[in-house]
Amino acid sequence: MQKIFIFLFFSIIVFGANLFTVSGSSGDVAYKRIIKHKDNPALTQNTKEYSYQAFYNELQQQKILAMKAEMPNIQKGQGFPKTSKTYQANNSYCIGNTNQNSLIEDAKNHKGGRYVWGGTNPKGFDCSGYVQYLYSKHGIKLPRTALAQSKVGLPIDPNYLKQGDLVFFLTDKKRKIPVTHVGIYVGNGQFIHAASKDRGIIISPLNSGSYADTFVGAKRVLPS
């Protein structure tokens, strides 16, 4: 009985070849077949790249599950931006080492300060400049405008607000954007903010008055 040997079989896997042959002891080809290639990311993609992608996907899934577990009641105020970016590593918005009490104490030290349109320092703040300045002092980088700040952090149901949460308002519909004002929740249904040129930095009620009517949502950017 002629002995049959299999050659080149492993070249299909190692070198990506698509020719499969079976030869006899005399070297004659007894069987030949062209095997069609099938795309498989696990085989055709670089091993490290594929592993990194799988790891990233797993992290993203776990992050989503953690957020859902922590925030069972998500604020869905009308007009509030639906896009929500969480803290991004390396070059964007990152959490720092601080706590609610120290930030609120620092915020209250500026009560009575001047309001200046476009202001970003103690000589004069606008609403988002005030928020950005305070959080930066406590190791948390935030974007510049109220609208941009409303797109970072975790959405918070207003019934579960904590000191240091950001609260957002639509105070000027003529600008045709969903958020035009921002403040910092200080507890007891109140928030501190750079209100206007006439009033400066003040503490206002969140649950009554004009700000209750223009409230659109809240975000948490402090470490829990």
C-alpha atoms as a PDB file:
ATOM      1  CA  MET A   1       0.000   0.000   0.000  1.00  0.00           C
ATOM      2  CA  GLN A   2       1.476   3.327  -1.049  1.00  0.00           C
ATOM      3  CA  LYS A   3       2.382   5.545   1.854  1.00  0.00           C
ATOM      4  CA  ILE A   4       0.726   8.911   1.806  1.00  0.00           C
ATOM      5  CA  PHE A   5       2.388  11.987   3.329  1.00  0.00           C
ATOM      6  CA  ILE A   6       0.889  15.374   3.949  1.00  0.00           C
ATOM      7  CA  PHE A   7       3.011  18.379   3.028  1.00  0.00           C
ATOM      8  CA  LEU A   8       2.494  22.135   3.254  1.00  0.00           C
ATOM      9  CA  PHE A   9      -0.504  21.787   5.536  1.00  0.00           C
ATOM     10  CA  PHE A  10       0.948  24.117   8.151  1.00  0.00           C
ATOM     11  CA  SER A  11       1.781  26.748   5.571  1.00  0.00           C
ATOM     12  CA  ILE A  12      -1.934  27.546   5.471  1.00  0.00           C
ATOM     13  CA  ILE A  13      -1.828  28.853   9.033  1.00  0.00           C
ATOM     14  CA  VAL A  14       1.716  30.127   9.303  1.00  0.00           C
ATOM     15  CA  PHE A  15       2.108  31.830   5.944  1.00  0.00           C
ATOM     16  CA  GLY A  16      -1.492  32.386   4.952  1.00  0.00           C
ATOM     17  CA  ALA A  17      -1.132  30.108   1.881  1.00  0.00           C
ATOM     18  CA  ASN A  18      -4.247  28.771   0.207  1.00  0.00           C
ATOM     19  CA  LEU A  19      -2.802  25.686  -1.585  1.00  0.00           C
ATOM     20  CA  PHE A  20      -3.225  22.310   0.124  1.00  0.00           C
ATOM     21  CA  THR A  21      -1.508  19.190  -1.370  1.00  0.00           C
ATOM     22  CA  VAL A  22      -1.131  15.508  -0.471  1.00  0.00           C
ATOM     23  CA  SER A  23       1.833  13.655  -2.014  1.00  0.00           C
ATOM     24  CA  GLY A  24       2.778   9.982  -2.215  1.00  0.00           C
ATOM     25  CA  SER A  25       6.118   8.406  -1.318  1.00  0.00           C
ATOM     26  CA  SER A  26       7.378   8.940  -4.886  1.00  0.00           C
ATOM     27  CA  GLY A  27       6.727  12.646  -4.632  1.00  0.00           C
ATOM     28  CA  ASP A  28       3.761  12.616  -6.976  1.00  0.00           C
ATOM     29  CA  VAL A  29       0.889  14.886  -5.959  1.00  0.00           C
ATOM     30  CA  ALA A  30      -2.040  12.652  -5.096  1.00  0.00           C
ATOM     31  CA  TYR A  31      -4.421  15.392  -4.058  1.00  0.00           C
ATOM     32  CA  LYS A  32      -4.501  19.140  -4.496  1.00  0.00           C
ATOM     33  CA  ARG A  33      -7.040  21.648  -3.292  1.00  0.00           C
ATOM     34  CA  ILE A  34      -7.338  25.449  -3.234  1.00  0.00           C
ATOM     35  CA  ILE A  35      -8.679  26.610   0.111  1.00  0.00           C
ATOM     36  CA  LYS A  36     -10.527  29.917   0.050  1.00  0.00           C
ATOM     37  CA  HIS A  37      -9.419  32.452   2.647  1.00  0.00           C
ATOM     38  CA  LYS A  38     -11.957  33.597   5.205  1.00  0.00           C
ATOM     39  CA  ASP A  39     -11.475  36.896   7.047  1.00  0.00           C
ATOM     40  CA  ASN A  40     -10.986  36.398  10.740  1.00  0.00           C
ATOM     41  CA  PRO A  41      -9.827  39.412  12.797  1.00  0.00           C
ATOM     42  CA  ALA A  42      -8.334  37.119  15.423  1.00  0.00           C
ATOM     43  CA  LEU A  43      -6.008  35.594  12.774  1.00  0.00           C
ATOM     44  CA  THR A  44      -5.403  38.399  10.303  1.00  0.00           C
ATOM     45  CA  GLN A  45      -4.992  41.286  12.740  1.00  0.00           C
ATOM     46  CA  ASN A  46      -1.776  41.909  14.607  1.00  0.00           C
ATOM     47  CA  THR A  47      -1.948  39.888  17.827  1.00  0.00           C
ATOM     48  CA  LYS A  48      -1.137  42.816  20.129  1.00  0.00           C
ATOM     49  CA  GLU A  49      -3.533  45.152  18.347  1.00  0.00           C
ATOM     50  CA  TYR A  50      -6.343  42.635  18.615  1.00  0.00           C
ATOM     51  CA  SER A  51      -5.631  42.061  22.308  1.00  0.00           C
ATOM     52  CA  TYR A  52      -5.590  45.796  23.022  1.00  0.00           C
ATOM     53  CA  GLN A  53      -8.883  46.290  21.199  1.00  0.00           C
ATOM     54  CA  ALA A  54     -10.537  43.429  23.089  1.00  0.00           C
ATOM     55  CA  PHE A  55      -9.225  44.810  26.381  1.00  0.00           C
ATOM     56  CA  TYR A  56     -10.487  48.315  25.538  1.00  0.00           C
ATOM     57  CA  ASN A  57     -13.930  46.965  24.623  1.00  0.00           C
ATOM     58  CA  GLU A  58     -14.105  45.112  27.921  1.00  0.00           C
ATOM     59  CA  LEU A  59     -13.152  48.249  29.863  1.00  0.00           C
ATOM     60  CA  GLN A  60     -15.797  50.272  28.062  1.00  0.00           C
ATOM     61  CA  GLN A  61     -18.443  47.671  28.859  1.00  0.00           C
ATOM     62  CA  GLN A  62     -17.465  47.574  32.523  1.00  0.00           C
ATOM     63  CA  LYS A  63     -17.495  51.385  32.699  1.00  0.00           C
ATOM     64  CA  ILE A  64     -21.023  51.499  31.317  1.00  0.00           C
ATOM     65  CA  LEU A  65     -22.212  48.868  33.801  1.00  0.00           C
ATOM     66  CA  ALA A  66     -20.594  50.740  36.699  1.00  0.00           C
ATOM     67  CA  MET A  67     -22.209  54.020  35.682  1.00  0.00           C
ATOM     68  CA  LYS A  68     -25.618  52.375  35.429  1.00  0.00           C
ATOM     69  CA  ALA A  69     -25.215  50.805  38.859  1.00  0.00           C
ATOM     70  CA  GLU A  70     -24.101  54.075  40.454  1.00  0.00           C
ATOM     71  CA  MET A  71     -26.649  56.300  38.753  1.00  0.00           C
ATOM     72  CA  PRO A  72     -29.992  54.477  38.592  1.00  0.00           C
ATOM     73  CA  ASN A  73     -31.896  57.720  38.145  1.00  0.00           C
ATOM     74  CA  ILE A  74     -30.483  59.691  35.243  1.00  0.00           C
ATOM     75  CA  GLN A  75     -31.626  63.248  34.775  1.00  0.00           C
ATOM     76  CA  LYS A  76     -33.336  63.672  31.413  1.00  0.00           C
ATOM     77  CA  GLY A  77     -34.252  67.357  31.459  1.00  0.00           C
ATOM     78  CA  GLN A  78     -35.571  68.719  28.184  1.00  0.00           C
ATOM     79  CA  GLY A  79     -32.985  70.602  26.201  1.00  0.00           C
ATOM     80  CA  PHE A  80     -30.100  69.245  28.282  1.00  0.00           C
ATOM     81  CA  PRO A  81     -27.293  67.874  26.095  1.00  0.00           C
ATOM     82  CA  LYS A  82     -27.620  64.114  25.681  1.00  0.00           C
ATOM     83  CA  THR A  83     -23.918  63.590  24.934  1.00  0.00           C
ATOM     84  CA  SER A  84     -22.013  62.753  28.102  1.00  0.00           C
ATOM     85  CA  LYS A  85     -18.252  62.296  28.177  1.00  0.00           C
ATOM     86  CA  THR A  86     -16.744  60.797  31.262  1.00  0.00           C
ATOM     87  CA  TYR A  87     -13.228  61.541  32.443  1.00  0.00           C
ATOM     88  CA  GLN A  88     -10.754  60.963  29.640  1.00  0.00           C
ATOM     89  CA  ALA A  89      -7.207  59.963  30.379  1.00  0.00           C
ATOM     90  CA  ASN A  90      -4.053  61.875  29.444  1.00  0.00           C
ATOM     91  CA  ASN A  91      -5.283  64.936  27.544  1.00  0.00           C
ATOM     92  CA  SER A  92      -8.787  65.906  28.548  1.00  0.00           C
ATOM     93  CA  TYR A  93     -11.002  66.106  31.610  1.00  0.00           C
ATOM     94  CA  CYS A  94      -9.564  64.334  34.636  1.00  0.00           C
ATOM     95  CA  ILE A  95     -10.527  63.883  38.250  1.00  0.00           C
ATOM     96  CA  GLY A  96      -8.253  65.254  40.953  1.00  0.00           C
ATOM     97  CA  ASN A  97      -7.706  64.775  44.649  1.00  0.00           C
ATOM     98  CA  THR A  98     -10.205  66.944  46.465  1.00  0.00           C
ATOM     99  CA  ASN A  99     -13.493  66.721  48.339  1.00  0.00           C
ATOM    100  CA  GLN A 100     -16.798  68.556  48.397  1.00  0.00           C
ATOM    101  CA  ASN A 101     -16.186  70.467  51.620  1.00  0.00           C
ATOM    102  CA  SER A 102     -12.872  72.011  50.612  1.00  0.00           C
ATOM    103  CA  LEU A 103     -14.181  73.058  47.194  1.00  0.00           C
ATOM    104  CA  ILE A 104     -17.372  74.591  48.600  1.00  0.00           C
ATOM    105  CA  GLU A 105     -15.409  76.469  51.262  1.00  0.00           C
ATOM    106  CA  ASP A 106     -13.143  77.867  48.576  1.00  0.00           C
ATOM    107  CA  ALA A 107     -16.143  78.791  46.406  1.00  0.00           C
ATOM    108  CA  LYS A 108     -17.788  80.709  49.245  1.00  0.00           C
ATOM    109  CA  ASN A 109     -14.611  82.716  49.802  1.00  0.00           C
ATOM    110  CA  HIS A 110     -15.386  84.404  46.483  1.00  0.00           C
ATOM    111  CA  LYS A 111     -18.958  85.319  47.422  1.00  0.00           C
ATOM    112  CA  GLY A 112     -19.544  88.991  46.670  1.00  0.00           C
ATOM    113  CA  GLY A 113     -16.866  89.032  43.992  1.00  0.00           C
ATOM    114  CA  ARG A 114     -17.222  90.866  40.681  1.00  0.00           C
ATOM    115  CA  TYR A 115     -18.905  89.525  37.571  1.00  0.00           C
ATOM    116  CA  VAL A 116     -16.987  90.267  34.367  1.00  0.00           C
ATOM    117  CA  TRP A 117     -18.053  88.874  31.001  1.00  0.00           C
ATOM    118  CA  GLY A 118     -15.263  86.541  29.879  1.00  0.00           C
ATOM    119  CA  GLY A 119     -13.562  86.768  33.289  1.00  0.00           C
ATOM    120  CA  THR A 120     -11.524  83.801  34.492  1.00  0.00           C
ATOM    121  CA  ASN A 121      -9.717  85.075  37.622  1.00  0.00           C
ATOM    122  CA  PRO A 122     -10.535  86.635  41.010  1.00  0.00           C
ATOM    123  CA  LYS A 123     -10.437  90.140  39.509  1.00  0.00           C
ATOM    124  CA  GLY A 124     -13.663  89.208  37.760  1.00  0.00           C
ATOM    125  CA  PHE A 125     -15.489  86.001  36.721  1.00  0.00           C
ATOM    126  CA  ASP A 126     -18.272  85.024  34.406  1.00  0.00           C
ATOM    127  CA  CYS A 127     -20.266  81.927  35.354  1.00  0.00           C
ATOM    128  CA  SER A 128     -18.204  79.278  33.587  1.00  0.00           C
ATOM    129  CA  GLY A 129     -14.914  81.073  34.247  1.00  0.00           C
ATOM    130  CA  TYR A 130     -15.700  80.937  37.959  1.00  0.00           C
ATOM    131  CA  VAL A 131     -16.454  77.203  37.816  1.00  0.00           C
ATOM    132  CA  GLN A 132     -13.391  76.414  35.715  1.00  0.00           C
ATOM    133  CA  TYR A 133     -11.098  78.432  38.020  1.00  0.00           C
ATOM    134  CA  LEU A 134     -12.316  76.732  41.206  1.00  0.00           C
ATOM    135  CA  TYR A 135     -12.149  73.200  39.872  1.00  0.00           C
ATOM    136  CA  SER A 136      -8.732  73.809  38.378  1.00  0.00           C
ATOM    137  CA  LYS A 137      -7.462  74.835  41.828  1.00  0.00           C
ATOM    138  CA  HIS A 138      -8.667  71.481  43.100  1.00  0.00           C
ATOM    139  CA  GLY A 139      -7.035  69.430  40.375  1.00  0.00           C
ATOM    140  CA  ILE A 140      -9.974  69.024  38.007  1.00  0.00           C
ATOM    141  CA  LYS A 141      -9.665  70.322  34.458  1.00  0.00           C
ATOM    142  CA  LEU A 142     -12.920  71.517  32.906  1.00  0.00           C
ATOM    143  CA  PRO A 143     -13.675  73.138  29.546  1.00  0.00           C
ATOM    144  CA  ARG A 144     -14.256  76.862  29.317  1.00  0.00           C
ATOM    145  CA  THR A 145     -17.945  77.454  28.551  1.00  0.00           C
ATOM    146  CA  ALA A 146     -21.120  76.455  30.388  1.00  0.00           C
ATOM    147  CA  LEU A 147     -22.281  74.456  27.363  1.00  0.00           C
ATOM    148  CA  ALA A 148     -18.992  72.552  27.127  1.00  0.00           C
ATOM    149  CA  GLN A 149     -18.976  71.916  30.889  1.00  0.00           C
ATOM    150  CA  SER A 150     -22.469  70.425  30.628  1.00  0.00           C
ATOM    151  CA  LYS A 151     -21.084  67.702  28.358  1.00  0.00           C
ATOM    152  CA  VAL A 152     -18.642  66.185  30.869  1.00  0.00           C
ATOM    153  CA  GLY A 153     -19.136  64.168  34.053  1.00  0.00           C
ATOM    154  CA  LEU A 154     -22.045  61.973  35.128  1.00  0.00           C
ATOM    155  CA  PRO A 155     -25.687  63.073  34.753  1.00  0.00           C
ATOM    156  CA  ILE A 156     -27.337  63.433  38.169  1.00  0.00           C
ATOM    157  CA  ASP A 157     -30.977  63.303  39.141  1.00  0.00           C
ATOM    158  CA  PRO A 158     -31.734  66.620  40.960  1.00  0.00           C
ATOM    159  CA  ASN A 159     -33.107  64.642  43.899  1.00  0.00           C
ATOM    160  CA  TYR A 160     -29.631  63.184  44.499  1.00  0.00           C
ATOM    161  CA  LEU A 161     -27.450  66.280  44.232  1.00  0.00           C
ATOM    162  CA  LYS A 162     -24.308  66.513  46.354  1.00  0.00           C
ATOM    163  CA  GLN A 163     -22.092  69.457  47.197  1.00  0.00           C
ATOM    164  CA  GLY A 164     -19.813  70.223  44.285  1.00  0.00           C
ATOM    165  CA  ASP A 165     -22.169  69.017  41.543  1.00  0.00           C
ATOM    166  CA  LEU A 166     -22.517  71.361  38.590  1.00  0.00           C
ATOM    167  CA  VAL A 167     -26.003  72.732  37.877  1.00  0.00           C
ATOM    168  CA  PHE A 168     -26.964  74.085  34.467  1.00  0.00           C
ATOM    169  CA  PHE A 169     -29.571  76.526  33.219  1.00  0.00           C
ATOM    170  CA  LEU A 170     -31.062  77.912  30.026  1.00  0.00           C
ATOM    171  CA  THR A 171     -31.287  81.582  30.977  1.00  0.00           C
ATOM    172  CA  ASP A 172     -31.077  83.067  27.483  1.00  0.00           C
ATOM    173  CA  LYS A 173     -33.142  81.321  24.808  1.00  0.00           C
ATOM    174  CA  LYS A 174     -32.134  83.941  22.232  1.00  0.00           C
ATOM    175  CA  ARG A 175     -28.689  82.333  22.041  1.00  0.00           C
ATOM    176  CA  LYS A 176     -30.339  79.144  20.721  1.00  0.00           C
ATOM    177  CA  ILE A 177     -28.127  76.740  22.669  1.00  0.00           C
ATOM    178  CA  PRO A 178     -29.344  74.320  25.372  1.00  0.00           C
ATOM    179  CA  VAL A 179     -27.181  75.675  28.223  1.00  0.00           C
ATOM    180  CA  THR A 180     -26.241  79.297  28.940  1.00  0.00           C
ATOM    181  CA  HIS A 181     -25.434  79.374  32.677  1.00  0.00           C
ATOM    182  CA  VAL A 182     -23.681  77.190  35.266  1.00  0.00           C
ATOM    183  CA  GLY A 183     -23.252  77.141  39.032  1.00  0.00           C
ATOM    184  CA  ILE A 184     -21.991  74.892  41.836  1.00  0.00           C
ATOM    185  CA  TYR A 185     -24.388  73.136  44.179  1.00  0.00           C
ATOM    186  CA  VAL A 186     -23.554  73.982  47.828  1.00  0.00           C
ATOM    187  CA  GLY A 187     -26.247  71.933  49.566  1.00  0.00           C
ATOM    188  CA  ASN A 188     -29.627  72.681  51.143  1.00  0.00           C
ATOM    189  CA  GLY A 189     -31.210  73.390  47.773  1.00  0.00           C
ATOM    190  CA  GLN A 190     -28.800  76.224  46.959  1.00  0.00           C
ATOM    191  CA  PHE A 191     -26.018  76.900  44.465  1.00  0.00           C
ATOM    192  CA  ILE A 192     -23.272  79.501  44.146  1.00  0.00           C
ATOM    193  CA  HIS A 193     -22.568  81.225  40.846  1.00  0.00           C
ATOM    194  CA  ALA A 194     -21.325  84.325  39.086  1.00  0.00           C
ATOM    195  CA  ALA A 195     -24.801  85.636  38.349  1.00  0.00           C
ATOM    196  CA  SER A 196     -24.556  88.984  36.587  1.00  0.00           C
ATOM    197  CA  LYS A 197     -22.760  92.327  36.497  1.00  0.00           C
ATOM    198  CA  ASP A 198     -25.270  93.796  38.970  1.00  0.00           C
ATOM    199  CA  ARG A 199     -25.270  90.922  41.470  1.00  0.00           C
ATOM    200  CA  GLY A 200     -21.786  89.437  41.167  1.00  0.00           C
ATOM    201  CA  ILE A 201     -21.080  86.082  42.816  1.00  0.00           C
ATOM    202  CA  ILE A 202     -24.071  85.057  44.909  1.00  0.00           C
ATOM    203  CA  ILE A 203     -25.863  82.047  46.399  1.00  0.00           C
ATOM    204  CA  SER A 204     -29.311  81.378  44.955  1.00  0.00           C
ATOM    205  CA  PRO A 205     -32.114  78.853  45.597  1.00  0.00           C
ATOM    206  CA  LEU A 206     -32.323  76.035  43.086  1.00  0.00           C
ATOM    207  CA  ASN A 207     -35.883  74.949  43.805  1.00  0.00           C
ATOM    208  CA  SER A 208     -37.669  78.284  43.570  1.00  0.00           C
ATOM    209  CA  GLY A 209     -37.547  81.521  41.617  1.00  0.00           C
ATOM    210  CA  SER A 210     -36.252  82.110  38.107  1.00  0.00           C
ATOM    211  CA  TYR A 211     -33.455  79.559  38.326  1.00  0.00           C
ATOM    212  CA  ALA A 212     -35.893  76.774  39.149  1.00  0.00           C
ATOM    213  CA  ASP A 213     -37.768  77.652  35.964  1.00  0.00           C
ATOM    214  CA  THR A 214     -34.641  77.608  33.804  1.00  0.00           C
ATOM    215  CA  PHE A 215     -32.872  74.581  35.338  1.00  0.00           C
ATOM    216  CA  VAL A 216     -32.025  71.946  32.713  1.00  0.00           C
ATOM    217  CA  GLY A 217     -29.769  69.413  34.454  1.00  0.00           C
ATOM    218  CA  ALA A 218     -26.799  68.562  36.672  1.00  0.00           C
ATOM    219  CA  LYS A 219     -23.477  66.773  36.335  1.00  0.00           C
ATOM    220  CA  ARG A 220     -21.033  65.271  38.846  1.00  0.00           C
ATOM    221  CA  VAL A 221     -17.351  65.875  38.158  1.00  0.00           C
ATOM    222  CA  LEU A 222     -15.933  65.424  41.665  1.00  0.00           C
ATOM    223  CA  PRO A 223     -14.652  61.997  42.765  1.00  0.00           C
ATOM    224  CA  SER A 224     -17.384  60.190  44.699  1.00  0.00           C
END
